[in-house]
PDB file of N, CA and C in Angstrom:
ATOM      1  N   MET A   1       0.849  -1.179   0.005  1.00  0.00           N
ATOM      2  CA  MET A   1       0.001   0.030   0.002  1.00  0.00           C
ATOM      3  C   MET A   1       0.794   1.260   0.029  1.00  0.00           C
ATOM      4  N   PHE A   2       2.092   1.133   0.366  1.00  0.00           N
ATOM      5  CA  PHE A   2       3.090   2.312   0.352  1.00  0.00           C
ATOM      6  C   PHE A   2       4.160   1.910  -0.576  1.00  0.00           C
ATOM      7  N   GLU A   3       4.859   3.002  -0.998  1.00  0.00           N
ATOM      8  CA  GLU A   3       6.091   2.814  -1.808  1.00  0.00           C
ATOM      9  C   GLU A   3       7.131   3.706  -1.241  1.00  0.00           C
ATOM     10  N   LEU A   4       8.382   3.215  -1.337  1.00  0.00           N
ATOM     11  CA  LEU A   4       9.476   3.854  -0.800  1.00  0.00           C
ATOM     12  C   LEU A   4       9.924   5.019  -1.786  1.00  0.00           C
ATOM     13  N   LEU A   5      10.198   6.211  -1.310  1.00  0.00           N
ATOM     14  CA  LEU A   5      10.608   7.364  -2.045  1.00  0.00           C
ATOM     15  C   LEU A   5      12.106   7.227  -2.334  1.00  0.00           C
ATOM     16  N   THR A   6      12.592   7.689  -3.477  1.00  0.00           N
ATOM     17  CA  THR A   6      14.013   7.592  -3.802  1.00  0.00           C
ATOM     18  C   THR A   6      14.637   8.820  -3.154  1.00  0.00           C
ATOM     19  N   ASP A   7      16.012   8.757  -3.171  1.00  0.00           N
ATOM     20  CA  ASP A   7      16.751   9.893  -2.543  1.00  0.00           C
ATOM     21  C   ASP A   7      16.510  11.138  -3.350  1.00  0.00           C
ATOM     22  N   ALA A   8      16.401  11.043  -4.615  1.00  0.00           N
ATOM     23  CA  ALA A   8      16.046  12.214  -5.490  1.00  0.00           C
ATOM     24  C   ALA A   8      14.756  12.888  -5.079  1.00  0.00           C
ATOM     25  N   GLU A   9      13.759  12.020  -4.769  1.00  0.00           N
ATOM     26  CA  GLU A   9      12.417  12.599  -4.319  1.00  0.00           C
ATOM     27  C   GLU A   9      12.530  13.259  -2.958  1.00  0.00           C
ATOM     28  N   ASN A  10      13.438  12.692  -2.069  1.00  0.00           N
ATOM     29  CA  ASN A  10      13.554  13.229  -0.737  1.00  0.00           C
ATOM     30  C   ASN A  10      14.403  14.585  -0.787  1.00  0.00           C
ATOM     31  N   GLU A  11      15.125  14.722  -1.857  1.00  0.00           N
ATOM     32  CA  GLU A  11      16.032  15.933  -1.865  1.00  0.00           C
ATOM     33  C   GLU A  11      15.282  17.256  -1.718  1.00  0.00           C
ATOM     34  N   GLY A  12      15.804  18.098  -0.837  1.00  0.00           N
ATOM     35  CA  GLY A  12      15.210  19.380  -0.632  1.00  0.00           C
ATOM     36  C   GLY A  12      14.034  19.359   0.419  1.00  0.00           C
ATOM     37  N   ASP A  13      13.692  18.114   0.873  1.00  0.00           N
ATOM     38  CA  ASP A  13      12.603  18.106   1.883  1.00  0.00           C
ATOM     39  C   ASP A  13      13.120  18.506   3.264  1.00  0.00           C
ATOM     40  N   PRO A  14      12.591  19.540   3.917  1.00  0.00           N
ATOM     41  CA  PRO A  14      13.135  19.904   5.197  1.00  0.00           C
ATOM     42  C   PRO A  14      12.911  18.980   6.299  1.00  0.00           C
ATOM     43  N   CYS A  15      12.001  18.069   6.160  1.00  0.00           N
ATOM     44  CA  CYS A  15      11.671  17.079   7.125  1.00  0.00           C
ATOM     45  C   CYS A  15      12.822  16.110   7.309  1.00  0.00           C
ATOM     46  N   ILE A  16      13.461  15.784   6.119  1.00  0.00           N
ATOM     47  CA  ILE A  16      14.565  14.845   6.110  1.00  0.00           C
ATOM     48  C   ILE A  16      15.735  15.384   6.961  1.00  0.00           C
ATOM     49  N   GLY A  17      16.075  16.665   6.663  1.00  0.00           N
ATOM     50  CA  GLY A  17      17.160  17.257   7.482  1.00  0.00           C
ATOM     51  C   GLY A  17      16.883  17.379   8.936  1.00  0.00           C
ATOM     52  N   TYR A  18      15.590  17.667   9.262  1.00  0.00           N
ATOM     53  CA  TYR A  18      15.287  17.675  10.762  1.00  0.00           C
ATOM     54  C   TYR A  18      15.394  16.338  11.373  1.00  0.00           C
ATOM     55  N   MET A  19      14.949  15.231  10.572  1.00  0.00           N
ATOM     56  CA  MET A  19      15.051  13.861  11.208  1.00  0.00           C
ATOM     57  C   MET A  19      16.516  13.536  11.365  1.00  0.00           C
ATOM     58  N   ARG A  20      17.423  13.991  10.520  1.00  0.00           N
ATOM     59  CA  ARG A  20      18.824  13.588  10.615  1.00  0.00           C
ATOM     60  C   ARG A  20      19.648  14.551  11.526  1.00  0.00           C
ATOM     61  N   GLU A  21      19.046  15.676  11.814  1.00  0.00           N
ATOM     62  CA  GLU A  21      19.837  16.636  12.693  1.00  0.00           C
ATOM     63  C   GLU A  21      19.091  17.201  13.908  1.00  0.00           C
ATOM     64  N   GLY A  22      17.869  17.247  13.849  1.00  0.00           N
ATOM     65  CA  GLY A  22      17.100  18.064  14.880  1.00  0.00           C
ATOM     66  C   GLY A  22      16.377  17.238  16.029  1.00  0.00           C
ATOM     67  N   THR A  23      16.297  15.928  15.821  1.00  0.00           N
ATOM     68  CA  THR A  23      15.490  15.229  16.863  1.00  0.00           C
ATOM     69  C   THR A  23      16.522  14.807  17.906  1.00  0.00           C
ATOM     70  N   ASP A  24      15.989  14.482  19.066  1.00  0.00           N
ATOM     71  CA  ASP A  24      16.815  14.040  20.251  1.00  0.00           C
ATOM     72  C   ASP A  24      17.513  12.789  19.871  1.00  0.00           C
ATOM     73  N   GLU A  25      16.803  11.846  19.116  1.00  0.00           N
ATOM     74  CA  GLU A  25      17.425  10.575  18.743  1.00  0.00           C
ATOM     75  C   GLU A  25      18.642  10.804  17.808  1.00  0.00           C
ATOM     76  N   ALA A  26      18.463  11.674  16.907  1.00  0.00           N
ATOM     77  CA  ALA A  26      19.531  11.938  15.911  1.00  0.00           C
ATOM     78  C   ALA A  26      20.741  12.514  16.652  1.00  0.00           C
ATOM     79  N   LYS A  27      20.501  13.394  17.627  1.00  0.00           N
ATOM     80  CA  LYS A  27      21.579  14.047  18.360  1.00  0.00           C
ATOM     81  C   LYS A  27      22.338  12.991  19.159  1.00  0.00           C
ATOM     82  N   LYS A  28      21.566  12.066  19.725  1.00  0.00           N
ATOM     83  CA  LYS A  28      22.226  11.018  20.487  1.00  0.00           C
ATOM     84  C   LYS A  28      23.022  10.066  19.640  1.00  0.00           C
ATOM     85  N   VAL A  29      22.533   9.768  18.477  1.00  0.00           N
ATOM     86  CA  VAL A  29      23.270   8.943  17.487  1.00  0.00           C
ATOM     87  C   VAL A  29      24.536   9.640  17.065  1.00  0.00           C
ATOM     88  N   LYS A  30      24.474  10.870  16.780  1.00  0.00           N
ATOM     89  CA  LYS A  30      25.647  11.667  16.316  1.00  0.00           C
ATOM     90  C   LYS A  30      26.611  11.679  17.408  1.00  0.00           C
ATOM     91  N   ARG A  31      26.183  11.899  18.683  1.00  0.00           N
ATOM     92  CA  ARG A  31      27.138  11.998  19.819  1.00  0.00           C
ATOM     93  C   ARG A  31      27.810  10.736  19.962  1.00  0.00           C
ATOM     94  N   ASN A  32      27.170   9.583  19.700  1.00  0.00           N
ATOM     95  CA  ASN A  32      27.805   8.290  19.826  1.00  0.00           C
ATOM     96  C   ASN A  32      28.464   7.828  18.640  1.00  0.00           C
ATOM     97  N   GLN A  33      28.518   8.740  17.633  1.00  0.00           N
ATOM     98  CA  GLN A  33      29.186   8.435  16.339  1.00  0.00           C
ATOM     99  C   GLN A  33      28.567   7.256  15.555  1.00  0.00           C
ATOM    100  N   GLY A  34      27.275   7.175  15.673  1.00  0.00           N
ATOM    101  CA  GLY A  34      26.499   6.062  14.990  1.00  0.00           C
ATOM    102  C   GLY A  34      26.030   6.477  13.615  1.00  0.00           C
ATOM    103  N   GLN A  35      25.338   5.594  13.007  1.00  0.00           N
ATOM    104  CA  GLN A  35      24.765   5.842  11.646  1.00  0.00           C
ATOM    105  C   GLN A  35      23.286   6.158  11.723  1.00  0.00           C
ATOM    106  N   ILE A  36      22.816   7.097  10.925  1.00  0.00           N
ATOM    107  CA  ILE A  36      21.358   7.450  10.888  1.00  0.00           C
ATOM    108  C   ILE A  36      20.736   6.850   9.633  1.00  0.00           C
ATOM    109  N   TRP A  37      19.666   6.084   9.762  1.00  0.00           N
ATOM    110  CA  TRP A  37      18.986   5.498   8.697  1.00  0.00           C
ATOM    111  C   TRP A  37      17.597   6.064   8.679  1.00  0.00           C
ATOM    112  N   HIS A  38      17.101   6.346   7.519  1.00  0.00           N
ATOM    113  CA  HIS A  38      15.657   6.793   7.429  1.00  0.00           C
ATOM    114  C   HIS A  38      14.987   6.238   6.142  1.00  0.00           C
ATOM    115  N   ALA A  39      13.692   6.193   6.208  1.00  0.00           N
ATOM    116  CA  ALA A  39      12.921   5.728   5.037  1.00  0.00           C
ATOM    117  C   ALA A  39      11.711   6.577   4.964  1.00  0.00           C
ATOM    118  N   VAL A  40      11.369   7.040   3.790  1.00  0.00           N
ATOM    119  CA  VAL A  40      10.189   7.929   3.666  1.00  0.00           C
ATOM    120  C   VAL A  40       9.260   7.149   2.591  1.00  0.00           C
ATOM    121  N   PHE A  41       8.055   7.010   2.961  1.00  0.00           N
ATOM    122  CA  PHE A  41       7.067   6.327   2.025  1.00  0.00           C
ATOM    123  C   PHE A  41       5.949   7.128   1.588  1.00  0.00           C
ATOM    124  N   ARG A  42       5.408   6.817   0.494  1.00  0.00           N
ATOM    125  CA  ARG A  42       4.189   7.535  -0.047  1.00  0.00           C
ATOM    126  C   ARG A  42       3.134   6.570  -0.158  1.00  0.00           C
ATOM    127  N   LYS A  43       1.892   6.837   0.308  1.00  0.00           N
ATOM    128  CA  LYS A  43       0.732   5.986   0.162  1.00  0.00           C
ATOM    129  C   LYS A  43       0.361   5.918  -1.310  1.00  0.00           C
ATOM    130  N   ARG A  44       0.130   4.662  -1.736  1.00  0.00           N
ATOM    131  CA  ARG A  44      -0.234   4.482  -3.080  1.00  0.00           C
ATOM    132  C   ARG A  44      -1.710   4.720  -3.326  1.00  0.00           C
ATOM    133  N   ASN A  45      -2.141   5.121  -4.497  1.00  0.00           N
ATOM    134  CA  ASN A  45      -3.540   5.299  -4.814  1.00  0.00           C
ATOM    135  C   ASN A  45      -4.214   4.036  -5.191  1.00  0.00           C
ATOM    136  N   VAL A  46      -5.019   3.431  -4.182  1.00  0.00           N
ATOM    137  CA  VAL A  46      -5.630   2.190  -4.517  1.00  0.00           C
ATOM    138  C   VAL A  46      -7.020   2.308  -5.158  1.00  0.00           C
ATOM    139  N   ALA A  47      -7.383   3.611  -5.386  1.00  0.00           N
ATOM    140  CA  ALA A  47      -8.716   3.878  -6.016  1.00  0.00           C
ATOM    141  C   ALA A  47      -8.581   3.381  -7.496  1.00  0.00           C
ATOM    142  N   ASP A  48      -7.380   3.577  -8.046  1.00  0.00           N
ATOM    143  CA  ASP A  48      -7.193   3.101  -9.468  1.00  0.00           C
ATOM    144  C   ASP A  48      -7.043   1.611  -9.505  1.00  0.00           C
ATOM    145  N   THR A  49      -8.008   0.933 -10.187  1.00  0.00           N
ATOM    146  CA  THR A  49      -8.012  -0.504 -10.075  1.00  0.00           C
ATOM    147  C   THR A  49      -6.808  -1.187 -10.607  1.00  0.00           C
ATOM    148  N   SER A  50      -6.222  -0.618 -11.701  1.00  0.00           N
ATOM    149  CA  SER A  50      -5.033  -1.227 -12.261  1.00  0.00           C
ATOM    150  C   SER A  50      -3.962  -1.172 -11.247  1.00  0.00           C
ATOM    151  N   ASP A  51      -3.769  -0.038 -10.520  1.00  0.00           N
ATOM    152  CA  ASP A  51      -2.740   0.050  -9.470  1.00  0.00           C
ATOM    153  C   ASP A  51      -3.035  -0.811  -8.355  1.00  0.00           C
ATOM    154  N   LYS A  52      -4.301  -1.030  -8.015  1.00  0.00           N
ATOM    155  CA  LYS A  52      -4.668  -1.836  -6.886  1.00  0.00           C
ATOM    156  C   LYS A  52      -4.227  -3.374  -7.212  1.00  0.00           C
ATOM    157  N   VAL A  53      -4.485  -3.804  -8.437  1.00  0.00           N
ATOM    158  CA  VAL A  53      -4.030  -5.122  -8.688  1.00  0.00           C
ATOM    159  C   VAL A  53      -2.549  -5.312  -8.650  1.00  0.00           C
ATOM    160  N   LYS A  54      -1.884  -4.377  -9.169  1.00  0.00           N
ATOM    161  CA  LYS A  54      -0.413  -4.353  -9.081  1.00  0.00           C
ATOM    162  C   LYS A  54       0.089  -4.370  -7.678  1.00  0.00           C
ATOM    163  N   ILE A  55      -0.525  -3.566  -6.813  1.00  0.00           N
ATOM    164  CA  ILE A  55      -0.179  -3.498  -5.398  1.00  0.00           C
ATOM    165  C   ILE A  55      -0.372  -4.918  -4.794  1.00  0.00           C
ATOM    166  N   GLU A  56      -1.600  -5.489  -5.007  1.00  0.00           N
ATOM    167  CA  GLU A  56      -1.865  -6.737  -4.418  1.00  0.00           C
ATOM    168  C   GLU A  56      -0.903  -7.813  -4.827  1.00  0.00           C
ATOM    169  N   LYS A  57      -0.500  -7.907  -6.109  1.00  0.00           N
ATOM    170  CA  LYS A  57       0.406  -8.845  -6.581  1.00  0.00           C
ATOM    171  C   LYS A  57       1.845  -8.651  -5.863  1.00  0.00           C
ATOM    172  N   GLU A  58       2.240  -7.381  -5.741  1.00  0.00           N
ATOM    173  CA  GLU A  58       3.465  -7.098  -5.081  1.00  0.00           C
ATOM    174  C   GLU A  58       3.490  -7.602  -3.633  1.00  0.00           C
ATOM    175  N   MET A  59       2.316  -7.287  -2.968  1.00  0.00           N
ATOM    176  CA  MET A  59       2.212  -7.659  -1.476  1.00  0.00           C
ATOM    177  C   MET A  59       2.297  -9.171  -1.374  1.00  0.00           C
ATOM    178  N   ILE A  60       1.631  -9.867  -2.194  1.00  0.00           N
ATOM    179  CA  ILE A  60       1.559 -11.381  -2.120  1.00  0.00           C
ATOM    180  C   ILE A  60       3.037 -11.884  -2.410  1.00  0.00           C
ATOM    181  N   ALA A  61       3.651 -11.322  -3.423  1.00  0.00           N
ATOM    182  CA  ALA A  61       5.050 -11.764  -3.738  1.00  0.00           C
ATOM    183  C   ALA A  61       5.986 -11.524  -2.661  1.00  0.00           C
ATOM    184  N   ASN A  62       5.840 -10.288  -1.983  1.00  0.00           N
ATOM    185  CA  ASN A  62       6.778 -10.019  -0.892  1.00  0.00           C
ATOM    186  C   ASN A  62       6.473 -10.831   0.284  1.00  0.00           C
ATOM    187  N   PHE A  63       5.281 -11.167   0.437  1.00  0.00           N
ATOM    188  CA  PHE A  63       4.913 -11.974   1.669  1.00  0.00           C
ATOM    189  C   PHE A  63       5.482 -13.406   1.583  1.00  0.00           C
ATOM    190  N   TYR A  64       5.457 -13.992   0.337  1.00  0.00           N
ATOM    191  CA  TYR A  64       6.001 -15.295   0.206  1.00  0.00           C
ATOM    192  C   TYR A  64       7.465 -15.346  -0.110  1.00  0.00           C
ATOM    193  N   SER A  65       8.147 -14.301  -0.187  1.00  0.00           N
ATOM    194  CA  SER A  65       9.570 -14.336  -0.565  1.00  0.00           C
ATOM    195  C   SER A  65      10.430 -14.293   0.722  1.00  0.00           C
TER     196      SER A  65
END
């Protein structure tokens, strides 16, 4: 039902910068010299029946893999 956004799509998003720099968790990770990982998703449009079929097939394939 969701799709992962690419780095290009995330570029320029102020929320990404805040997640990596401004949260208490990010500050703690930086202080401990750890790595910060993030993922941003977009909800897919399931109203479109062709997209809904594609989503269902992907979900089933991912479930059984």
